Every structure is written in structure tokens, then in C-alpha cells.
Amino acid sequence: MAWDFETDESFQSQLDWASEFVGSEVMPLDVLWRERAYEPLTGAPREIVPPLKQRVRDQGLWGYHLSPELGGAGRGQVENGLLNEILGRSHWAPVIFGSNAPDSGNAEIIAHFGTTEQRARYLQPLLDGEIFSCFSMTEPQGGADPAVFATHAERDGTDWILNGEKYFSTNAHVASFFIVMAWTSSGESAHRGMSMFLVPADTPGIEIVRRVGVLGEPTGHGMHSLVRYANVRLPGEALLGAEGQAFAIAQTRLGGGRIHHAMRSVGLARWAMDMMCERAVSRHTAGSRLADKQAVQAFIADSWAQLEQFRLFVLQTAWKIDKYRDYLKVRKDIAAIKVLLPKVLSDIVGRAIQVHGAIGVSTDLPLARMMVTAASLGLADGPTEVHQMTVTRQLLRDYTAAEGTWPSQYLPELAERARAKYAGILARYDTGLGELADAAATA
């Protein structure tokens, strides 16, 4: 079997272009208008952003995660991951490249499960970057556990009546439509009793109770919202996919998305490491550079090794997805990535902050905001501990209990079997091998 760790030359040239473009043209937007990346374009951004998007289209990199029939490249998770590694350095970059969450995942499930009418109404404007969308799933009392969700939709003739509250509904305040997960059959399990609905934002009965920010965002100006659905009447055609199919739809959305998030985190961690290394060779204290201090050298070495291991693991998982075309076959790998991601990012950012000193936790540098991102990624799409359980369950399926009293690697029994296996040969030699085996087994 051939192994190849090289990127195709033609795609590498696109990656090189993207890296330079993000650094010179997109990251300045983060400095000027970071908080406006997920808002309708007005004022100066309205003049600057559309031409940048067109340049991405001209390079064939717009919506790269999409299949060719949807206007993307359809080149797979490995190439998409390598591109997202570059985009991870910038808050605006996913918007400029047509791959911002939650819109990228929402477009994917509408493409897979939407009707012709739904794709025409919701998908194309989303793909064109003309509108934003919202994935409205988690709830105040349930967090990431759908089994305790309370939002429900009941039939009323051919319509559905939707009621409930959703928490941390990202981009709800600017979304043109919502994808809402709700109970439609209380007698079934959560895996079979919940459905997805496409809900236009101007539907009567939708109330954005308040916007919720994370640490560092002004109160009332966050990207997430508490949303109340009060007797929201939906036509039958608002159902996305089949009734009771919500879990299957959600998994389609989340699998590839976790690869994208992981590679963006790799890019973010590498940026933090670049900042740490620059600081190490720039700052002098106690008679020498920080780079000459043993503790700082250990910080840099540990960060590089940790980042390279994680990056290769993510890319290997992306390769498996491309190879098998089945997220279930790499469920364990994807869950493990989710477990490792926040720790790798927080470890590296934490070391970078330490090397920078007080300025590292200030608003003069982006490091403190990166640390909040790391903490958030430990909760997004389910807490780390849930994914640890998934990894363990998947691993233990390949093991069976040892027979008898002793572990399968119990040395006295192994020594006895080895002597029996070679008894005929051992009998011809008076070398004391039997005694040696006994000694090794009791060592």
C-alpha cells in the first residue's frame, strides 16, 4: 500500500493563494469589524466584502465543502480540511469563502434531505451567501441531551403547531430561516420521535427573547439567542426530511463539520504558536532572550509536538471519510477529535499567554479570545465527556472478556503453553529453558 503525505501541486497553489489572501485581505476585517462578520452588510463592509467573495469564486474556492452540483469543488474532506486550516486564523474568512457555520452545515442537510421547493427557496440564497440561517436545537433545560428536550410540534390538519424554547441558537437575530428540532411523536425514543422543520424567520409566533454572548462580547450583542416558539403555525411542507428523521439529519450535518472545526482550530493554534515564537525571539529579560530560557523552550517544543500529532490525526480521519464515504465507520475517530480539540488549543494558547505575560490576557492581543474559543469548543456539538463515552464504547466492541480466572497475558500460563508448544525440541536440550521461563513468569 502506498503512503503519500504530499498535497497535489495544483491544489497547493490554491492553498498558497488562500493563505496570502486571508493574511493580507481578510484578516484586516477582523481588526476593524470582527463583530459584524455575521450581520447583513451595510456601510463600508458592503463595499469591501462582495469583491473579496468574488475573488474567492474566481479561484474556485467558494463553498469548497459543497458537491459540484451545488457549486463546490467536491474534492473531499482532506482538501477541505487543509483549506479550513488557513481559514481558522480569521473570524471573517469562512464568510468570505462561503463556508461559515452554521450555514455550511445547514446547506448540506437541505441539499441531502430537502424537497425541490425547499432547495429553491432556502438553499440557493444560502449558497450564494445572500442570507444567514440558524440551527435551533439545544434547549435551556436540556443542553446537549435531546432526550429531555421539550419543544414539540403537533399536527393540526395538514399544518404543524410548534411550541417551545431553544437556547444558543446561533445567528438567530440575523437568520432568514431556522432549522428547528422538535418532538413529533412523544411515544417514540428521541432517535425516532423527533423531526426537523424549516421555519421562515418572519413566521408569526417566533420571539427572540434575548441575545446571549460569550465572555468578551457585550451583553445583548452576542451571536447566540434564546428563542421562543409560541404556537408557530407551519404548513406540512415545512417538514425537512421524513417525520422522525431528525437524528439522522443532525448526524449528516455534524460529521464533516467537526473535521472543519478541528482544522480551523489547528490554524488558530498555529497562529498562537507563531505569536509565542515571535515573542520568544523578541523579548529580553534577566539578561537573555525568552527563547534562551529552558521553560520557554519546553513550551515551544511541547506545543509543536502536540499540534503536529493532532493535525495528522484530523487529516487521517478526513482521509478515512473520503475513503469509506460513511461517517459511521469513523465515528470513533471523529469523537476522539472532538475530545482532543479543546485541550490542544487551550494548552498551546495558554503557553502563548504565559510567554507574553500581562499583554497576553489583554484586549491588545487575540490570545485571550482564543482561550474562550477553546473552552467553547469543549461544549459545542456536545460536551467533551459525551464524546469520550462514544470513543470508549466503540473501542470496547472489539474486546471480549478473558476466559477463566487470570488475564489473557498471565505469564505463568503463557510460559506453560510455550513449553508445551516446543516440548519436543526442549526435551533434546538441557539448557534450563524451563527454569528460565518460570523465573520470567514470576519476575
Protein backbone atom coordinates (compact mmCIF):
# COMPACT_ATOMS: atom_id res chain seq x y z
CA MET A 1 0.00 0.00 0.00
CA ALA A 2 1.35 3.42 -0.95
CA TRP A 3 1.52 6.23 1.58
CA ASP A 4 1.56 9.84 0.47
CA PHE A 5 1.74 12.91 2.67
CA GLU A 6 2.03 15.42 -0.17
CA THR A 7 -0.62 17.79 -1.43
CA ASP A 8 -1.47 17.87 -5.12
CA GLU A 9 0.55 20.67 -6.76
CA SER A 10 -2.42 22.40 -8.35
CA PHE A 11 -4.34 22.45 -5.08
CA GLN A 12 -1.24 23.52 -3.17
CA SER A 13 -1.08 26.60 -5.38
CA GLN A 14 -4.67 27.37 -4.39
CA LEU A 15 -3.78 26.91 -0.72
CA ASP A 16 -0.83 29.27 -1.14
CA TRP A 17 -3.12 31.84 -2.73
CA ALA A 18 -5.68 31.42 0.07
CA SER A 19 -3.02 31.83 2.77
CA GLU A 20 -1.75 35.08 1.29
CA PHE A 21 -5.27 36.33 0.59
CA VAL A 22 -6.54 35.65 4.11
CA GLY A 23 -3.49 37.30 5.65
CA SER A 24 -3.47 40.43 3.51
CA GLU A 25 -7.13 40.98 2.58
CA VAL A 26 -9.37 39.21 5.09
CA MET A 27 -7.69 39.49 8.49
CA PRO A 28 -7.81 43.30 8.38
CA LEU A 29 -11.61 42.91 8.52
CA ASP A 30 -11.20 41.08 11.84
CA VAL A 31 -9.40 44.08 13.27
CA LEU A 32 -11.91 46.64 12.01
CA TRP A 33 -15.28 44.86 12.22
CA ARG A 34 -14.89 41.47 13.88
CA GLU A 35 -18.36 41.66 15.44
CA ARG A 36 -20.01 42.37 12.06
CA ALA A 37 -18.93 39.21 10.24
CA TYR A 38 -22.33 37.59 10.72
CA GLU A 39 -24.51 40.62 10.14
CA PRO A 40 -26.14 41.92 6.94
CA LEU A 41 -23.68 44.04 5.01
CA THR A 42 -24.07 47.78 5.41
CA GLY A 43 -21.77 50.78 5.16
CA ALA A 44 -18.10 50.19 4.39
CA PRO A 45 -18.27 46.36 4.66
CA ARG A 46 -20.93 46.39 1.95
CA GLU A 47 -18.38 47.95 -0.38
CA ILE A 48 -15.42 45.80 0.62
CA VAL A 49 -16.79 42.27 1.19
CA PRO A 50 -18.58 41.36 -2.10
CA PRO A 51 -15.46 41.93 -4.24
CA LEU A 52 -13.48 39.72 -1.85
CA LYS A 53 -16.07 36.95 -2.21
CA GLN A 54 -15.84 37.26 -5.98
CA ARG A 55 -12.08 36.84 -5.88
CA VAL A 56 -12.59 33.60 -3.93
CA ARG A 57 -15.09 32.43 -6.57
CA ASP A 58 -12.63 33.29 -9.31
CA GLN A 59 -10.11 30.96 -7.64
CA GLY A 60 -12.64 28.12 -7.47
CA LEU A 61 -12.58 28.10 -3.66
CA TRP A 62 -16.08 29.37 -2.87
CA GLY A 63 -18.12 26.83 -0.89
CA TYR A 64 -15.32 24.31 -1.29
CA HIS A 65 -17.06 21.82 1.02
CA LEU A 66 -20.01 21.52 -1.37
CA SER A 67 -20.52 18.96 -4.10
CA PRO A 68 -20.08 20.13 -7.73
CA GLU A 69 -23.83 20.17 -8.39
CA LEU A 70 -24.14 22.72 -5.57
CA GLY A 71 -21.35 24.90 -6.88
CA GLY A 72 -18.47 23.48 -4.82
CA ALA A 73 -15.36 21.55 -5.74
CA GLY A 74 -16.45 18.19 -4.34
CA ARG A 75 -12.84 17.22 -3.68
CA GLY A 76 -13.35 15.64 -0.26
CA GLN A 77 -12.60 16.17 3.41
CA VAL A 78 -8.81 16.14 3.20
CA GLU A 79 -8.58 19.09 0.83
CA ASN A 80 -11.43 20.84 2.60
CA GLY A 81 -9.59 20.34 5.89
CA LEU A 82 -6.37 21.83 4.52
CA LEU A 83 -8.27 24.90 3.33
CA ASN A 84 -10.04 25.28 6.68
CA GLU A 85 -6.68 25.21 8.43
CA ILE A 86 -5.97 28.51 6.69
CA LEU A 87 -9.43 29.94 7.33
CA GLY A 88 -9.14 29.20 11.05
CA ARG A 89 -6.91 32.24 11.58
CA SER A 90 -9.71 34.66 10.71
CA HIS A 91 -13.23 35.27 12.02
CA TRP A 92 -14.30 36.70 8.64
CA ALA A 93 -12.62 34.11 6.41
CA PRO A 94 -15.37 31.44 6.50
CA VAL A 95 -17.89 34.09 5.43
CA ILE A 96 -15.66 35.30 2.61
CA PHE A 97 -15.11 31.70 1.44
CA GLY A 98 -18.77 30.64 1.71
CA SER A 99 -18.19 28.03 4.40
CA ASN A 100 -19.31 29.70 7.61
CA ALA A 101 -21.14 27.81 10.33
CA PRO A 102 -23.95 27.14 10.84
CA ASP A 103 -24.80 27.93 7.20
CA SER A 104 -22.40 25.37 5.73
CA GLY A 105 -23.96 22.51 7.71
CA ASN A 106 -27.48 23.78 7.11
CA ALA A 107 -26.86 23.90 3.37
CA GLU A 108 -25.58 20.33 3.48
CA ILE A 109 -28.70 18.90 5.10
CA ILE A 110 -31.10 20.88 2.91
CA ALA A 111 -29.22 19.56 -0.12
CA HIS A 112 -29.49 15.99 1.20
CA PHE A 113 -33.00 15.99 2.64
CA GLY A 114 -34.84 19.00 1.21
CA THR A 115 -37.54 18.85 -1.44
CA THR A 116 -37.14 20.60 -4.77
CA GLU A 117 -39.21 23.51 -3.47
CA GLN A 118 -37.21 23.73 -0.23
CA ARG A 119 -33.91 23.75 -2.06
CA ALA A 120 -35.11 26.50 -4.38
CA ARG A 121 -36.42 28.65 -1.53
CA TYR A 122 -33.69 28.19 1.08
CA LEU A 123 -30.62 26.52 -0.35
CA GLN A 124 -29.61 28.67 -3.30
CA PRO A 125 -29.68 32.02 -1.43
CA LEU A 126 -27.66 30.33 1.32
CA LEU A 127 -25.10 29.01 -1.13
CA ASP A 128 -24.82 32.42 -2.74
CA GLY A 129 -24.03 34.00 0.63
CA GLU A 130 -27.04 36.28 0.38
CA ILE A 131 -28.66 35.21 3.67
CA PHE A 132 -27.82 33.67 7.06
CA SER A 133 -29.54 30.71 8.70
CA CYS A 134 -29.93 29.30 12.21
CA PHE A 135 -29.78 25.72 13.52
CA SER A 136 -32.12 25.81 16.52
CA MET A 137 -31.61 22.64 18.55
CA THR A 138 -30.36 22.94 22.14
CA GLU A 139 -32.73 23.92 24.97
CA PRO A 140 -32.39 25.66 28.36
CA GLN A 141 -33.22 22.57 30.41
CA GLY A 142 -31.62 20.02 28.11
CA GLY A 143 -28.34 21.35 26.82
CA ALA A 144 -26.96 18.69 24.50
CA ASP A 145 -29.31 15.90 25.63
CA PRO A 146 -32.22 15.66 23.18
CA ALA A 147 -33.97 13.10 25.38
CA VAL A 148 -35.03 15.90 27.74
CA PHE A 149 -35.99 18.42 25.07
CA ALA A 150 -39.47 19.84 25.43
CA THR A 151 -40.05 21.67 22.13
CA HIS A 152 -42.79 19.87 20.24
CA ALA A 153 -44.81 20.13 17.03
CA GLU A 154 -48.36 18.80 16.87
CA ARG A 155 -50.47 18.20 13.81
CA ASP A 156 -53.42 20.47 13.14
CA GLY A 157 -54.99 19.22 9.95
CA THR A 158 -52.25 19.44 7.33
CA ASP A 159 -50.32 22.01 9.42
CA TRP A 160 -47.98 21.72 12.37
CA ILE A 161 -48.13 23.84 15.54
CA LEU A 162 -44.68 24.42 17.03
CA ASN A 163 -44.12 25.33 20.71
CA GLY A 164 -41.04 25.51 22.91
CA GLU A 165 -37.82 27.37 23.67
CA LYS A 166 -34.36 26.96 22.18
CA TYR A 167 -31.10 28.23 23.66
CA PHE A 168 -27.81 29.18 21.98
CA SER A 169 -29.43 29.39 18.57
CA THR A 170 -26.52 30.84 16.63
CA ASN A 171 -27.21 33.80 14.32
CA ALA A 172 -30.93 33.75 15.15
CA HIS A 173 -31.02 37.56 15.18
CA VAL A 174 -29.91 37.79 11.54
CA ALA A 175 -31.21 34.50 10.15
CA SER A 176 -33.69 34.42 7.29
CA PHE A 177 -34.86 30.98 8.38
CA PHE A 178 -34.46 28.48 11.20
CA ILE A 179 -33.99 24.72 11.19
CA VAL A 180 -35.82 23.60 14.33
CA MET A 181 -35.63 20.19 16.01
CA ALA A 182 -38.83 19.19 17.81
CA TRP A 183 -40.72 16.20 19.16
CA THR A 184 -43.39 14.97 16.76
CA SER A 185 -44.09 11.60 18.41
CA SER A 186 -43.80 11.54 22.20
CA GLY A 187 -44.32 7.80 22.30
CA GLU A 188 -41.09 7.09 20.47
CA SER A 189 -37.46 7.32 21.58
CA ALA A 190 -35.57 10.53 20.91
CA HIS A 191 -33.89 8.81 17.96
CA ARG A 192 -37.23 8.17 16.27
CA GLY A 193 -39.64 10.68 17.74
CA MET A 194 -38.08 13.97 16.65
CA SER A 195 -38.28 15.83 13.35
CA MET A 196 -36.72 18.86 11.66
CA PHE A 197 -38.63 21.87 10.36
CA LEU A 198 -37.69 24.73 8.05
CA VAL A 199 -39.16 27.87 9.59
CA PRO A 200 -39.01 31.31 7.92
CA ALA A 201 -37.82 33.95 10.38
CA ASP A 202 -40.86 36.16 9.80
CA THR A 203 -43.34 33.44 10.81
CA PRO A 204 -45.73 34.76 13.50
CA GLY A 205 -45.04 33.40 16.97
CA ILE A 206 -41.22 33.50 16.88
CA GLU A 207 -39.69 35.67 19.60
CA ILE A 208 -36.00 36.28 20.17
CA VAL A 209 -36.13 36.67 23.94
CA ARG A 210 -32.57 37.89 24.21
CA ARG A 211 -29.18 37.60 22.58
CA VAL A 212 -26.54 35.72 24.54
CA GLY A 213 -22.84 36.46 24.30
CA VAL A 214 -19.78 34.55 25.39
CA LEU A 215 -17.02 36.06 27.53
CA GLY A 216 -15.76 39.24 25.94
CA GLU A 217 -18.91 40.00 23.94
CA PRO A 218 -21.08 42.91 25.10
CA THR A 219 -24.29 41.97 26.89
CA GLY A 220 -27.16 41.88 24.42
CA HIS A 221 -24.87 41.71 21.38
CA GLY A 222 -23.85 38.07 21.25
CA MET A 223 -24.13 35.71 18.29
CA HIS A 224 -26.41 33.27 20.11
CA SER A 225 -30.02 33.71 21.19
CA LEU A 226 -32.74 32.37 23.43
CA VAL A 227 -35.65 31.82 21.05
CA ARG A 228 -39.29 31.18 21.99
CA TYR A 229 -41.70 29.47 19.57
CA ALA A 230 -45.26 30.16 20.66
CA ASN A 231 -47.99 28.46 18.62
CA VAL A 232 -45.97 28.84 15.43
CA ARG A 233 -48.13 27.51 12.60
CA LEU A 234 -46.23 25.72 9.87
CA PRO A 235 -47.52 24.18 6.66
CA GLY A 236 -46.94 20.46 6.10
CA GLU A 237 -44.23 21.19 3.57
CA ALA A 238 -42.12 22.82 6.33
CA LEU A 239 -41.04 19.33 7.42
CA LEU A 240 -37.39 18.71 6.45
CA GLY A 241 -36.84 15.09 5.50
CA ALA A 242 -39.16 12.42 6.83
CA GLU A 243 -41.03 12.59 10.11
CA GLY A 244 -38.90 11.15 12.91
CA GLN A 245 -35.66 11.62 10.93
CA ALA A 246 -34.14 14.44 12.98
CA PHE A 247 -31.26 12.39 14.38
CA ALA A 248 -30.15 11.08 11.01
CA ILE A 249 -30.29 14.61 9.61
CA ALA A 250 -28.29 16.03 12.52
CA GLN A 251 -25.55 13.41 12.17
CA THR A 252 -25.21 14.17 8.45
CA ARG A 253 -24.66 17.76 9.41
CA LEU A 254 -22.23 17.22 12.27
CA GLY A 255 -19.79 14.62 10.94
CA GLY A 256 -17.96 16.67 8.35
CA GLY A 257 -18.47 19.85 10.36
CA ARG A 258 -16.31 18.51 13.15
CA ILE A 259 -13.44 17.98 10.71
CA HIS A 260 -13.80 21.57 9.54
CA HIS A 261 -13.86 22.91 13.10
CA ALA A 262 -10.86 20.79 14.05
CA MET A 263 -8.74 22.03 11.15
CA ARG A 264 -9.76 25.62 11.82
CA SER A 265 -8.62 25.05 15.40
CA VAL A 266 -5.31 23.75 14.05
CA GLY A 267 -4.93 27.02 12.16
CA LEU A 268 -5.85 29.01 15.26
CA ALA A 269 -3.39 27.05 17.42
CA ARG A 270 -0.63 27.53 14.85
CA TRP A 271 -1.30 31.27 14.90
CA ALA A 272 -0.96 31.25 18.70
CA MET A 273 2.29 29.30 18.37
CA ASP A 274 3.61 31.76 15.79
CA MET A 275 2.90 34.56 18.25
CA MET A 276 4.65 32.64 21.05
CA CYS A 277 7.76 32.01 18.95
CA GLU A 278 7.91 35.63 17.80
CA ARG A 279 7.68 36.77 21.41
CA ALA A 280 10.39 34.33 22.45
CA VAL A 281 12.95 35.70 19.99
CA SER A 282 11.90 39.34 20.56
CA ARG A 283 11.69 39.74 24.33
CA HIS A 284 14.79 40.10 26.54
CA THR A 285 14.61 39.65 30.29
CA ALA A 286 17.03 38.64 33.05
CA GLY A 287 19.97 39.04 30.73
CA SER A 288 18.84 36.97 27.73
CA ARG A 289 16.05 36.33 25.27
CA LEU A 290 13.00 34.39 26.36
CA ALA A 291 14.00 31.92 23.64
CA ASP A 292 17.09 31.10 25.69
CA LYS A 293 15.08 30.18 28.80
CA GLN A 294 14.64 26.45 29.30
CA ALA A 295 10.99 26.74 30.35
CA VAL A 296 10.10 28.70 27.22
CA GLN A 297 11.97 26.19 25.06
CA ALA A 298 9.88 23.42 26.64
CA PHE A 299 6.69 25.40 25.93
CA ILE A 300 7.60 25.71 22.26
CA ALA A 301 8.71 22.09 21.83
CA ASP A 302 5.63 20.68 23.57
CA SER A 303 3.31 22.93 21.56
CA TRP A 304 4.83 21.94 18.23
CA ALA A 305 4.68 18.22 19.00
CA GLN A 306 1.11 18.44 20.31
CA LEU A 307 -0.06 20.39 17.28
CA GLU A 308 1.57 18.13 14.72
CA GLN A 309 0.12 14.99 16.31
CA PHE A 310 -3.37 16.44 16.39
CA ARG A 311 -3.15 17.78 12.83
CA LEU A 312 -2.10 14.41 11.42
CA PHE A 313 -4.86 12.64 13.33
CA VAL A 314 -7.50 15.02 11.94
CA LEU A 315 -6.22 14.63 8.39
CA GLN A 316 -6.12 10.84 8.75
CA THR A 317 -9.76 10.92 9.86
CA ALA A 318 -10.62 13.14 6.90
CA TRP A 319 -8.87 10.61 4.64
CA LYS A 320 -10.96 7.79 6.13
CA ILE A 321 -14.17 9.75 5.44
CA ASP A 322 -13.10 10.24 1.83
CA LYS A 323 -12.19 6.56 1.54
CA TYR A 324 -15.24 4.95 3.14
CA ARG A 325 -17.90 7.60 2.40
CA ASP A 326 -19.51 6.53 5.66
CA TYR A 327 -19.38 8.64 8.82
CA LEU A 328 -20.41 5.67 10.97
CA LYS A 329 -17.17 3.87 10.09
CA VAL A 330 -15.15 6.75 11.53
CA ARG A 331 -17.47 7.64 14.39
CA LYS A 332 -14.81 6.78 16.95
CA ASP A 333 -12.20 8.91 15.20
CA ILE A 334 -14.50 11.91 14.89
CA ALA A 335 -15.43 11.66 18.57
CA ALA A 336 -11.75 11.44 19.56
CA ILE A 337 -11.01 14.57 17.55
CA LYS A 338 -13.78 16.35 19.44
CA VAL A 339 -12.22 15.23 22.74
CA LEU A 340 -8.69 16.36 21.84
CA LEU A 341 -9.56 19.64 20.13
CA PRO A 342 -10.24 21.93 23.13
CA LYS A 343 -7.25 20.62 25.09
CA VAL A 344 -4.78 21.06 22.24
CA LEU A 345 -5.99 24.59 21.57
CA SER A 346 -6.16 25.64 25.23
CA ASP A 347 -2.74 24.15 26.02
CA ILE A 348 -0.99 25.97 23.20
CA VAL A 349 -2.83 29.25 23.72
CA GLY A 350 -2.19 29.03 27.46
CA ARG A 351 1.56 28.68 26.89
CA ALA A 352 1.50 31.58 24.42
CA ILE A 353 -0.26 33.75 27.00
CA GLN A 354 2.32 32.82 29.63
CA VAL A 355 5.20 33.77 27.34
CA HIS A 356 3.57 37.12 26.56
CA GLY A 357 2.84 37.97 30.18
CA ALA A 358 0.17 40.52 31.04
CA ILE A 359 -0.36 41.64 27.46
CA GLY A 360 -1.37 38.06 26.67
CA VAL A 361 -4.62 38.36 28.64
CA SER A 362 -5.35 41.88 27.46
CA THR A 363 -7.57 43.04 24.63
CA ASP A 364 -4.45 44.28 22.83
CA LEU A 365 -3.84 40.72 21.58
CA PRO A 366 -6.22 38.00 20.34
CA LEU A 367 -4.89 35.30 22.70
CA ALA A 368 -7.45 35.69 25.48
CA ARG A 369 -10.26 35.46 22.94
CA MET A 370 -8.67 32.26 21.60
CA MET A 371 -8.82 30.78 25.10
CA VAL A 372 -12.56 31.46 25.25
CA THR A 373 -12.88 29.78 21.86
CA ALA A 374 -11.09 26.70 23.20
CA ALA A 375 -13.48 26.48 26.15
CA SER A 376 -16.47 26.93 23.84
CA LEU A 377 -15.29 24.15 21.53
CA GLY A 378 -15.26 21.80 24.50
CA LEU A 379 -19.03 22.28 24.68
CA ALA A 380 -20.14 22.84 21.08
CA ASP A 381 -21.87 19.85 19.45
CA GLY A 382 -21.99 18.11 22.83
CA PRO A 383 -19.60 18.23 25.81
CA THR A 384 -16.24 16.51 25.64
CA GLU A 385 -17.29 13.87 28.16
CA VAL A 386 -20.09 12.60 25.90
CA HIS A 387 -17.60 12.05 23.09
CA GLN A 388 -15.23 10.27 25.46
CA MET A 389 -18.05 7.80 26.14
CA THR A 390 -18.52 7.31 22.39
CA VAL A 391 -14.83 6.56 21.89
CA THR A 392 -14.79 4.06 24.75
CA ARG A 393 -17.93 2.24 23.63
CA GLN A 394 -16.64 1.94 20.08
CA LEU A 395 -13.26 0.65 21.26
CA LEU A 396 -14.65 -1.92 23.71
CA ARG A 397 -16.77 -3.52 20.99
CA ASP A 398 -13.60 -5.17 19.70
CA TYR A 399 -12.77 -6.81 23.05
CA THR A 400 -14.12 -9.87 24.84
CA ALA A 401 -13.76 -10.90 28.45
CA ALA A 402 -10.81 -13.11 29.38
CA GLU A 403 -11.65 -16.77 29.87
CA GLY A 404 -11.06 -18.23 33.30
CA THR A 405 -9.62 -16.59 36.38
CA TRP A 406 -6.49 -14.94 35.01
CA PRO A 407 -5.90 -12.18 32.43
CA SER A 408 -5.03 -13.44 28.95
CA GLN A 409 -1.45 -12.21 29.39
CA TYR A 410 -0.91 -14.01 32.72
CA LEU A 411 2.73 -15.01 32.41
CA PRO A 412 2.73 -18.35 34.30
CA GLU A 413 0.07 -19.74 31.95
CA LEU A 414 1.83 -18.30 28.88
CA ALA A 415 5.08 -19.94 29.99
CA GLU A 416 3.32 -23.28 30.38
CA ARG A 417 1.82 -23.01 26.89
CA ALA A 418 5.18 -22.03 25.40
CA ARG A 419 6.88 -25.06 26.98
CA ALA A 420 4.11 -27.33 25.69
CA LYS A 421 4.38 -25.81 22.19
CA TYR A 422 8.10 -26.56 21.94
CA ALA A 423 8.24 -29.60 24.27
CA GLY A 424 9.73 -31.90 21.65
CA ILE A 425 12.60 -29.56 20.91
CA LEU A 426 13.19 -28.52 24.51
CA ALA A 427 13.48 -32.17 25.55
CA ARG A 428 16.60 -32.53 23.37
CA TYR A 429 18.39 -29.69 25.08
CA ASP A 430 19.47 -29.49 28.66
CA THR A 431 19.62 -25.69 28.70
CA GLY A 432 17.43 -24.89 31.68
CA LEU A 433 14.95 -23.02 29.49
CA GLY A 434 12.10 -24.30 31.59
CA GLU A 435 13.61 -22.80 34.70
CA LEU A 436 14.29 -19.54 32.88
CA ALA A 437 10.66 -19.32 31.73
CA ASP A 438 9.47 -19.92 35.30
CA ALA A 439 11.77 -17.18 36.54
CA ALA A 440 10.49 -14.74 33.91
CA ALA A 441 6.88 -15.52 34.76
CA THR A 442 7.40 -14.75 38.45
CA ALA A 443 9.61 -11.67 37.91
